[in-house]
């Protein structure tokens, strides 16, 4: 019976770990690799780069809502530690703040720049980077204990 319990615990521990790891990789790729790289392309005008970025982040935001739902479901169906649930809720809160507050403000600024206007200086872009870094940190803090738990000999003891 103990062996069956250990296998079941591993299965349910793996689900949030997989979601967190996939999300981490996507976030790193979209926000910290692909986005800065497009601004290095000499043939891409600033307006086009900003417009591509706006579309990229709009689509990625929808993907993050899907990942949020899957992560929450995976955490709730796993070992249900307060720590993992709290981290999942922090991540979801950051996604919500980006969706309903930060991205609309950034989109408005991009629209102004594309229209040839010069918006007043702002720290919104730096705040967005901070939100993305906070999500990376929270995903890491969520995934590492799960990875350790899966690596332990008896998962049921780690519960």
N, C-alpha and C. Protein backbone atom coordinates (compact mmCIF):
# COMPACT_ATOMS: atom_id res chain seq x y z
N UNK A 1 0.82 -1.19 0.00
CA UNK A 1 0.00 0.00 0.00
C UNK A 1 0.87 1.26 0.00
N UNK A 2 1.97 1.22 0.73
CA UNK A 2 2.86 2.37 0.81
C UNK A 2 3.46 2.69 -0.58
N UNK A 3 3.75 1.67 -1.37
CA UNK A 3 4.29 1.86 -2.71
C UNK A 3 3.26 2.55 -3.60
N UNK A 4 2.00 2.12 -3.52
CA UNK A 4 0.94 2.75 -4.32
C UNK A 4 0.76 4.21 -3.93
N UNK A 5 0.80 4.48 -2.64
CA UNK A 5 0.67 5.85 -2.16
C UNK A 5 1.83 6.70 -2.68
N UNK A 6 3.03 6.16 -2.68
CA UNK A 6 4.21 6.87 -3.16
C UNK A 6 4.08 7.19 -4.65
N UNK A 7 3.59 6.25 -5.44
CA UNK A 7 3.41 6.47 -6.88
C UNK A 7 2.35 7.55 -7.11
N UNK A 8 1.26 7.51 -6.38
CA UNK A 8 0.19 8.51 -6.53
C UNK A 8 0.71 9.89 -6.15
N UNK A 9 1.47 9.97 -5.07
CA UNK A 9 2.02 11.26 -4.65
C UNK A 9 2.96 11.82 -5.70
N UNK A 10 3.77 10.97 -6.29
CA UNK A 10 4.69 11.43 -7.33
C UNK A 10 3.92 11.99 -8.53
N UNK A 11 2.84 11.30 -8.92
CA UNK A 11 2.04 11.75 -10.06
C UNK A 11 1.46 13.13 -9.79
N UNK A 12 0.87 13.32 -8.63
CA UNK A 12 0.23 14.59 -8.33
C UNK A 12 1.24 15.68 -8.01
N UNK A 13 2.41 15.33 -7.54
CA UNK A 13 3.46 16.31 -7.32
C UNK A 13 4.05 16.75 -8.64
N UNK A 14 4.11 15.86 -9.60
CA UNK A 14 4.69 16.20 -10.90
C UNK A 14 3.85 17.20 -11.68
N UNK A 15 2.55 17.18 -11.55
CA UNK A 15 1.68 18.05 -12.34
C UNK A 15 1.99 19.53 -12.14
N UNK A 16 1.99 20.04 -10.90
CA UNK A 16 2.32 21.46 -10.74
C UNK A 16 3.76 21.78 -11.13
N UNK A 17 4.66 20.84 -10.93
CA UNK A 17 6.05 21.03 -11.31
C UNK A 17 6.17 21.20 -12.83
N UNK A 18 5.48 20.37 -13.57
CA UNK A 18 5.54 20.45 -15.03
C UNK A 18 4.95 21.78 -15.51
N UNK A 19 3.81 22.16 -14.96
CA UNK A 19 3.18 23.43 -15.37
C UNK A 19 4.11 24.60 -15.04
N UNK A 20 4.68 24.61 -13.84
CA UNK A 20 5.58 25.70 -13.43
C UNK A 20 6.81 25.74 -14.33
N UNK A 21 7.37 24.58 -14.66
CA UNK A 21 8.57 24.54 -15.49
C UNK A 21 8.28 25.00 -16.92
N UNK A 22 7.16 24.57 -17.48
CA UNK A 22 6.79 25.00 -18.83
C UNK A 22 6.55 26.51 -18.85
N UNK A 23 5.83 27.01 -17.87
CA UNK A 23 5.54 28.44 -17.79
C UNK A 23 6.85 29.23 -17.63
N UNK A 24 7.74 28.76 -16.78
CA UNK A 24 9.04 29.40 -16.58
C UNK A 24 9.77 29.52 -17.91
N UNK A 25 9.83 28.43 -18.66
CA UNK A 25 10.52 28.43 -19.94
C UNK A 25 9.88 29.37 -20.95
N UNK A 26 8.56 29.38 -21.01
CA UNK A 26 7.87 30.26 -21.93
C UNK A 26 8.10 31.73 -21.55
N UNK A 27 8.01 32.03 -20.27
CA UNK A 27 8.20 33.39 -19.79
C UNK A 27 9.61 33.87 -20.09
N UNK A 28 10.57 33.03 -19.83
CA UNK A 28 11.97 33.37 -20.11
C UNK A 28 12.16 33.60 -21.61
N UNK A 29 11.59 32.72 -22.43
CA UNK A 29 11.75 32.84 -23.87
C UNK A 29 11.07 34.05 -24.46
N UNK A 30 9.85 34.33 -24.03
CA UNK A 30 9.09 35.45 -24.60
C UNK A 30 9.60 36.78 -24.06
N UNK A 31 9.69 36.92 -22.75
CA UNK A 31 9.97 38.22 -22.14
C UNK A 31 11.44 38.59 -22.12
N UNK A 32 12.31 37.61 -22.00
CA UNK A 32 13.71 37.94 -21.78
C UNK A 32 14.64 37.52 -22.91
N UNK A 33 14.14 36.80 -23.91
CA UNK A 33 14.97 36.44 -25.06
C UNK A 33 14.41 37.01 -26.36
N UNK A 34 13.21 36.61 -26.74
CA UNK A 34 12.65 37.01 -28.04
C UNK A 34 12.36 38.52 -28.10
N UNK A 35 11.80 39.07 -27.04
CA UNK A 35 11.44 40.48 -27.06
C UNK A 35 12.66 41.39 -27.18
N UNK A 36 13.67 41.23 -26.33
CA UNK A 36 14.85 42.09 -26.51
C UNK A 36 15.55 41.85 -27.86
N UNK A 37 15.53 40.61 -28.35
CA UNK A 37 16.22 40.29 -29.61
C UNK A 37 15.62 41.04 -30.79
N UNK A 38 14.31 41.25 -30.80
CA UNK A 38 13.69 41.91 -31.96
C UNK A 38 14.16 43.37 -32.07
N UNK A 39 14.53 43.97 -30.95
CA UNK A 39 15.00 45.35 -31.00
C UNK A 39 16.44 45.45 -31.51
N UNK A 40 17.10 44.32 -31.68
CA UNK A 40 18.45 44.29 -32.23
C UNK A 40 18.45 44.17 -33.75
N UNK A 41 17.30 43.85 -34.32
CA UNK A 41 17.20 43.69 -35.78
C UNK A 41 17.25 45.08 -36.43
N UNK A 42 18.29 45.37 -37.20
CA UNK A 42 18.43 46.71 -37.77
C UNK A 42 17.35 47.06 -38.80
N UNK A 43 16.74 46.06 -39.44
CA UNK A 43 15.73 46.35 -40.47
C UNK A 43 14.34 46.58 -39.89
N UNK A 44 14.18 46.37 -38.59
CA UNK A 44 12.87 46.53 -37.95
C UNK A 44 12.76 47.93 -37.37
N UNK A 45 11.77 48.69 -37.82
CA UNK A 45 11.58 50.04 -37.26
C UNK A 45 11.04 49.93 -35.84
N UNK A 46 11.21 51.00 -35.07
CA UNK A 46 10.72 51.01 -33.68
C UNK A 46 9.22 50.76 -33.63
N UNK A 47 8.48 51.41 -34.51
CA UNK A 47 7.02 51.24 -34.53
C UNK A 47 6.61 49.80 -34.78
N UNK A 48 7.26 49.16 -35.75
CA UNK A 48 6.95 47.76 -36.06
C UNK A 48 7.34 46.86 -34.89
N UNK A 49 8.51 47.10 -34.32
CA UNK A 49 8.96 46.28 -33.17
C UNK A 49 7.99 46.42 -32.00
N UNK A 50 7.54 47.64 -31.74
CA UNK A 50 6.59 47.86 -30.64
C UNK A 50 5.25 47.19 -30.93
N UNK A 51 4.81 47.27 -32.17
CA UNK A 51 3.53 46.66 -32.54
C UNK A 51 3.61 45.13 -32.43
N UNK A 52 4.72 44.55 -32.88
CA UNK A 52 4.93 43.11 -32.75
C UNK A 52 4.96 42.73 -31.26
N UNK A 53 5.64 43.53 -30.47
CA UNK A 53 5.69 43.28 -29.03
C UNK A 53 4.33 43.35 -28.38
N UNK A 54 3.54 44.33 -28.78
CA UNK A 54 2.19 44.46 -28.23
C UNK A 54 1.36 43.22 -28.54
N UNK A 55 1.43 42.75 -29.77
CA UNK A 55 0.69 41.54 -30.16
C UNK A 55 1.22 40.30 -29.43
N UNK A 56 2.54 40.21 -29.33
CA UNK A 56 3.15 39.07 -28.64
C UNK A 56 2.69 38.98 -27.20
N UNK A 57 2.73 40.11 -26.50
CA UNK A 57 2.35 40.10 -25.08
C UNK A 57 0.85 39.92 -24.90
N UNK A 58 0.05 40.38 -25.83
CA UNK A 58 -1.40 40.15 -25.75
C UNK A 58 -1.70 38.65 -25.86
N UNK A 59 -1.05 37.99 -26.81
CA UNK A 59 -1.26 36.55 -26.96
C UNK A 59 -0.69 35.79 -25.78
N UNK A 60 0.52 36.17 -25.36
CA UNK A 60 1.14 35.47 -24.23
C UNK A 60 0.32 35.65 -22.96
N UNK A 61 -0.31 36.80 -22.79
CA UNK A 61 -1.16 37.02 -21.62
C UNK A 61 -2.33 36.04 -21.59
N UNK A 62 -2.90 35.74 -22.74
CA UNK A 62 -3.99 34.75 -22.81
C UNK A 62 -3.46 33.36 -22.45
N UNK A 63 -2.26 33.05 -22.92
CA UNK A 63 -1.63 31.77 -22.57
C UNK A 63 -1.38 31.71 -21.07
N UNK A 64 -0.97 32.83 -20.49
CA UNK A 64 -0.72 32.85 -19.04
C UNK A 64 -2.01 32.63 -18.24
N UNK A 65 -3.14 33.10 -18.74
CA UNK A 65 -4.41 32.81 -18.05
C UNK A 65 -4.72 31.32 -18.09
N UNK A 66 -4.45 30.70 -19.22
CA UNK A 66 -4.64 29.26 -19.33
C UNK A 66 -3.69 28.54 -18.36
N UNK A 67 -2.43 28.94 -18.35
CA UNK A 67 -1.46 28.34 -17.43
C UNK A 67 -1.85 28.58 -15.98
N UNK A 68 -2.42 29.74 -15.69
CA UNK A 68 -2.87 30.05 -14.33
C UNK A 68 -3.94 29.06 -13.87
N UNK A 69 -4.90 28.82 -14.74
CA UNK A 69 -5.98 27.88 -14.41
C UNK A 69 -5.44 26.47 -14.21
N UNK A 70 -4.55 26.05 -15.11
CA UNK A 70 -3.98 24.70 -15.01
C UNK A 70 -3.12 24.59 -13.76
N UNK A 71 -2.31 25.62 -13.49
CA UNK A 71 -1.46 25.59 -12.30
C UNK A 71 -2.29 25.53 -11.02
N UNK A 72 -3.32 26.34 -10.94
CA UNK A 72 -4.17 26.33 -9.75
C UNK A 72 -4.83 24.96 -9.56
N UNK A 73 -5.34 24.40 -10.65
CA UNK A 73 -5.93 23.07 -10.56
C UNK A 73 -4.92 22.02 -10.15
N UNK A 74 -3.71 22.11 -10.69
CA UNK A 74 -2.67 21.14 -10.36
C UNK A 74 -2.25 21.26 -8.90
N UNK A 75 -2.12 22.49 -8.42
CA UNK A 75 -1.73 22.69 -7.02
C UNK A 75 -2.84 22.20 -6.09
N UNK A 76 -4.08 22.51 -6.42
CA UNK A 76 -5.20 22.09 -5.57
C UNK A 76 -5.38 20.57 -5.57
N UNK A 77 -5.01 19.92 -6.65
CA UNK A 77 -5.17 18.46 -6.70
C UNK A 77 -3.92 17.73 -6.23
N UNK A 78 -2.89 18.47 -5.89
CA UNK A 78 -1.66 17.81 -5.41
C UNK A 78 -1.64 17.78 -3.90
N UNK A 79 -0.50 18.02 -3.34
CA UNK A 79 -0.34 17.88 -1.90
C UNK A 79 -0.85 19.07 -1.09
N UNK A 80 -1.30 20.11 -1.75
CA UNK A 80 -1.99 21.24 -1.13
C UNK A 80 -1.25 21.92 0.02
N UNK A 81 -0.01 22.24 -0.14
CA UNK A 81 0.68 22.99 0.89
C UNK A 81 0.26 24.46 0.78
N UNK A 82 0.23 25.14 1.90
CA UNK A 82 -0.12 26.55 1.89
C UNK A 82 0.90 27.35 1.09
N UNK A 83 2.14 26.90 1.15
CA UNK A 83 3.21 27.59 0.43
C UNK A 83 2.97 27.54 -1.08
N UNK A 84 2.68 26.36 -1.59
CA UNK A 84 2.47 26.23 -3.03
C UNK A 84 1.20 26.96 -3.47
N UNK A 85 0.16 26.89 -2.68
CA UNK A 85 -1.08 27.59 -3.02
C UNK A 85 -0.85 29.11 -2.99
N UNK A 86 -0.13 29.58 -1.98
CA UNK A 86 0.17 31.02 -1.89
C UNK A 86 0.98 31.50 -3.08
N UNK A 87 1.99 30.73 -3.46
CA UNK A 87 2.80 31.12 -4.62
C UNK A 87 1.98 31.12 -5.90
N UNK A 88 1.12 30.13 -6.07
CA UNK A 88 0.25 30.10 -7.25
C UNK A 88 -0.65 31.33 -7.27
N UNK A 89 -1.18 31.70 -6.12
CA UNK A 89 -2.06 32.87 -6.06
C UNK A 89 -1.29 34.17 -6.32
N UNK A 90 -0.04 34.24 -5.87
CA UNK A 90 0.80 35.40 -6.17
C UNK A 90 1.00 35.53 -7.68
N UNK A 91 1.30 34.41 -8.32
CA UNK A 91 1.52 34.41 -9.77
C UNK A 91 0.25 34.84 -10.50
N UNK A 92 -0.88 34.29 -10.09
CA UNK A 92 -2.16 34.63 -10.72
C UNK A 92 -2.49 36.11 -10.50
N UNK A 93 -2.19 36.62 -9.32
CA UNK A 93 -2.42 38.04 -9.03
C UNK A 93 -1.56 38.93 -9.94
N UNK A 94 -0.31 38.53 -10.15
CA UNK A 94 0.55 39.30 -11.05
C UNK A 94 0.00 39.29 -12.48
N UNK A 95 -0.48 38.14 -12.93
CA UNK A 95 -1.07 38.05 -14.28
C UNK A 95 -2.31 38.96 -14.35
N UNK A 96 -3.13 38.95 -13.31
CA UNK A 96 -4.33 39.79 -13.29
C UNK A 96 -3.96 41.27 -13.31
N UNK A 97 -2.96 41.66 -12.54
CA UNK A 97 -2.53 43.06 -12.52
C UNK A 97 -1.99 43.49 -13.88
N UNK A 98 -1.27 42.59 -14.54
CA UNK A 98 -0.78 42.91 -15.88
C UNK A 98 -1.95 43.06 -16.86
N UNK A 99 -2.90 42.13 -16.78
CA UNK A 99 -4.03 42.11 -17.71
C UNK A 99 -4.90 43.35 -17.59
N UNK A 100 -5.27 43.69 -16.38
CA UNK A 100 -6.29 44.72 -16.18
C UNK A 100 -5.74 46.11 -15.90
N UNK A 101 -4.43 46.21 -15.66
CA UNK A 101 -3.87 47.51 -15.33
C UNK A 101 -2.64 47.85 -16.19
N UNK A 102 -1.61 47.02 -16.10
CA UNK A 102 -0.33 47.38 -16.69
C UNK A 102 -0.31 47.27 -18.22
N UNK A 103 -0.78 46.16 -18.78
CA UNK A 103 -0.77 46.02 -20.24
C UNK A 103 -1.61 47.08 -20.95
N UNK A 104 -2.80 47.43 -20.44
CA UNK A 104 -3.54 48.51 -21.12
C UNK A 104 -2.79 49.84 -21.12
N UNK A 105 -2.10 50.15 -20.03
CA UNK A 105 -1.32 51.39 -19.99
C UNK A 105 -0.14 51.33 -20.97
N UNK A 106 0.53 50.19 -21.01
CA UNK A 106 1.64 50.03 -21.95
C UNK A 106 1.15 50.06 -23.40
N UNK A 107 0.01 49.44 -23.66
CA UNK A 107 -0.57 49.46 -25.01
C UNK A 107 -0.88 50.90 -25.44
N UNK A 108 -1.39 51.68 -24.51
CA UNK A 108 -1.71 53.07 -24.81
C UNK A 108 -0.44 53.84 -25.18
N UNK A 109 0.63 53.61 -24.46
CA UNK A 109 1.91 54.27 -24.76
C UNK A 109 2.44 53.84 -26.13
N UNK A 110 2.35 52.54 -26.41
CA UNK A 110 2.81 52.04 -27.71
C UNK A 110 2.00 52.69 -28.83
N UNK A 111 0.69 52.79 -28.63
CA UNK A 111 -0.17 53.44 -29.63
C UNK A 111 0.25 54.88 -29.88
N UNK A 112 0.60 55.58 -28.82
CA UNK A 112 1.05 56.97 -28.95
C UNK A 112 2.35 57.05 -29.75
N UNK A 113 3.29 56.16 -29.44
CA UNK A 113 4.59 56.17 -30.13
C UNK A 113 4.40 55.83 -31.61
N UNK A 114 3.57 54.84 -31.90
CA UNK A 114 3.31 54.45 -33.29
C UNK A 114 2.66 55.62 -34.04
N UNK A 115 1.82 56.39 -33.35
CA UNK A 115 1.14 57.54 -33.97
C UNK A 115 2.06 58.75 -34.10
N UNK A 116 3.31 58.61 -33.65
CA UNK A 116 4.26 59.71 -33.78
C UNK A 116 4.30 60.65 -32.59
N UNK A 117 3.56 60.35 -31.56
CA UNK A 117 3.56 61.19 -30.35
C UNK A 117 4.71 60.77 -29.44
N UNK A 118 5.05 61.65 -28.53
CA UNK A 118 6.09 61.35 -27.55
C UNK A 118 5.45 61.33 -26.16
N UNK A 119 5.14 60.13 -25.61
CA UNK A 119 4.53 60.10 -24.28
C UNK A 119 5.52 60.58 -23.21
N UNK A 120 4.96 61.07 -22.12
CA UNK A 120 5.82 61.53 -21.02
C UNK A 120 6.60 60.35 -20.45
N UNK A 121 7.75 60.62 -19.86
CA UNK A 121 8.56 59.54 -19.28
C UNK A 121 7.75 58.74 -18.25
N UNK A 122 8.05 57.45 -18.19
CA UNK A 122 7.29 56.56 -17.30
C UNK A 122 8.16 55.38 -16.89
N UNK A 123 7.86 54.83 -15.75
CA UNK A 123 8.53 53.62 -15.27
C UNK A 123 7.71 52.36 -15.52
N UNK A 124 6.66 52.46 -16.34
CA UNK A 124 5.77 51.31 -16.56
C UNK A 124 6.52 50.12 -17.15
N UNK A 125 7.44 50.38 -18.07
CA UNK A 125 8.19 49.29 -18.68
C UNK A 125 9.04 48.58 -17.64
N UNK A 126 9.69 49.35 -16.78
CA UNK A 126 10.49 48.75 -15.70
C UNK A 126 9.61 47.97 -14.73
N UNK A 127 8.41 48.48 -14.48
CA UNK A 127 7.48 47.76 -13.60
C UNK A 127 7.06 46.44 -14.23
N UNK A 128 6.84 46.45 -15.55
CA UNK A 128 6.49 45.20 -16.24
C UNK A 128 7.62 44.18 -16.12
N UNK A 129 8.85 44.64 -16.29
CA UNK A 129 10.01 43.76 -16.13
C UNK A 129 10.06 43.20 -14.70
N UNK A 130 9.77 44.05 -13.73
CA UNK A 130 9.76 43.59 -12.33
C UNK A 130 8.68 42.53 -12.11
N UNK A 131 7.50 42.72 -12.71
CA UNK A 131 6.43 41.73 -12.61
C UNK A 131 6.88 40.40 -13.23
N UNK A 132 7.54 40.48 -14.39
CA UNK A 132 8.00 39.26 -15.05
C UNK A 132 9.06 38.55 -14.20
N UNK A 133 9.97 39.31 -13.61
CA UNK A 133 10.98 38.72 -12.73
C UNK A 133 10.33 38.11 -11.48
N UNK A 134 9.31 38.78 -10.95
CA UNK A 134 8.59 38.26 -9.79
C UNK A 134 7.91 36.93 -10.13
N UNK A 135 7.33 36.85 -11.33
CA UNK A 135 6.71 35.58 -11.75
C UNK A 135 7.77 34.49 -11.89
N UNK A 136 8.92 34.82 -12.48
CA UNK A 136 10.00 33.83 -12.59
C UNK A 136 10.43 33.33 -11.21
N UNK A 137 10.58 34.25 -10.27
CA UNK A 137 10.99 33.87 -8.92
C UNK A 137 9.93 33.00 -8.26
N UNK A 138 8.67 33.40 -8.36
CA UNK A 138 7.59 32.62 -7.74
C UNK A 138 7.47 31.24 -8.37
N UNK A 139 7.62 31.15 -9.69
CA UNK A 139 7.58 29.84 -10.35
C UNK A 139 8.75 28.96 -9.89
N UNK A 140 9.91 29.57 -9.71
CA UNK A 140 11.07 28.83 -9.22
C UNK A 140 10.83 28.34 -7.80
N UNK A 141 10.34 29.22 -6.94
CA UNK A 141 10.07 28.85 -5.55
C UNK A 141 8.98 27.79 -5.44
N UNK A 142 8.08 27.78 -6.40
CA UNK A 142 7.02 26.77 -6.44
C UNK A 142 7.58 25.43 -6.92
N UNK A 143 8.42 25.47 -7.94
CA UNK A 143 8.90 24.24 -8.57
C UNK A 143 10.00 23.53 -7.79
N UNK A 144 10.91 24.25 -7.19
CA UNK A 144 12.06 23.61 -6.54
C UNK A 144 11.68 22.61 -5.44
N UNK A 145 10.81 22.96 -4.51
CA UNK A 145 10.44 21.96 -3.49
C UNK A 145 9.75 20.73 -4.10
N UNK A 146 8.99 20.94 -5.16
CA UNK A 146 8.33 19.82 -5.83
C UNK A 146 9.37 18.91 -6.48
N UNK A 147 10.36 19.52 -7.10
CA UNK A 147 11.42 18.73 -7.72
C UNK A 147 12.19 17.95 -6.67
N UNK A 148 12.47 18.58 -5.54
CA UNK A 148 13.14 17.87 -4.43
C UNK A 148 12.27 16.72 -3.93
N UNK A 149 10.98 16.99 -3.79
CA UNK A 149 10.05 15.98 -3.29
C UNK A 149 10.01 14.78 -4.25
N UNK A 150 9.99 15.08 -5.55
CA UNK A 150 9.98 13.99 -6.53
C UNK A 150 11.31 13.24 -6.52
N UNK A 151 12.38 13.92 -6.20
CA UNK A 151 13.68 13.27 -6.15
C UNK A 151 13.93 12.48 -4.89
N UNK A 152 13.11 12.71 -3.86
CA UNK A 152 13.30 11.95 -2.61
C UNK A 152 12.84 10.51 -2.81
N UNK A 153 13.36 9.66 -2.00
CA UNK A 153 13.05 8.22 -2.12
C UNK A 153 11.59 7.93 -1.83
N UNK A 154 11.05 8.56 -0.82
CA UNK A 154 9.67 8.27 -0.42
C UNK A 154 8.89 9.58 -0.38
N UNK A 155 8.14 9.84 -1.41
CA UNK A 155 7.38 11.08 -1.54
C UNK A 155 6.36 11.21 -0.41
N UNK A 156 5.79 10.13 0.03
CA UNK A 156 4.75 10.21 1.05
C UNK A 156 5.31 10.74 2.37
N UNK A 157 6.58 10.54 2.63
CA UNK A 157 7.17 11.10 3.84
C UNK A 157 7.38 12.59 3.74
N UNK A 158 7.55 13.10 2.51
CA UNK A 158 7.77 14.52 2.30
C UNK A 158 6.49 15.32 2.40
N UNK A 159 5.37 14.64 2.42
CA UNK A 159 4.09 15.34 2.51
C UNK A 159 3.99 15.95 3.84
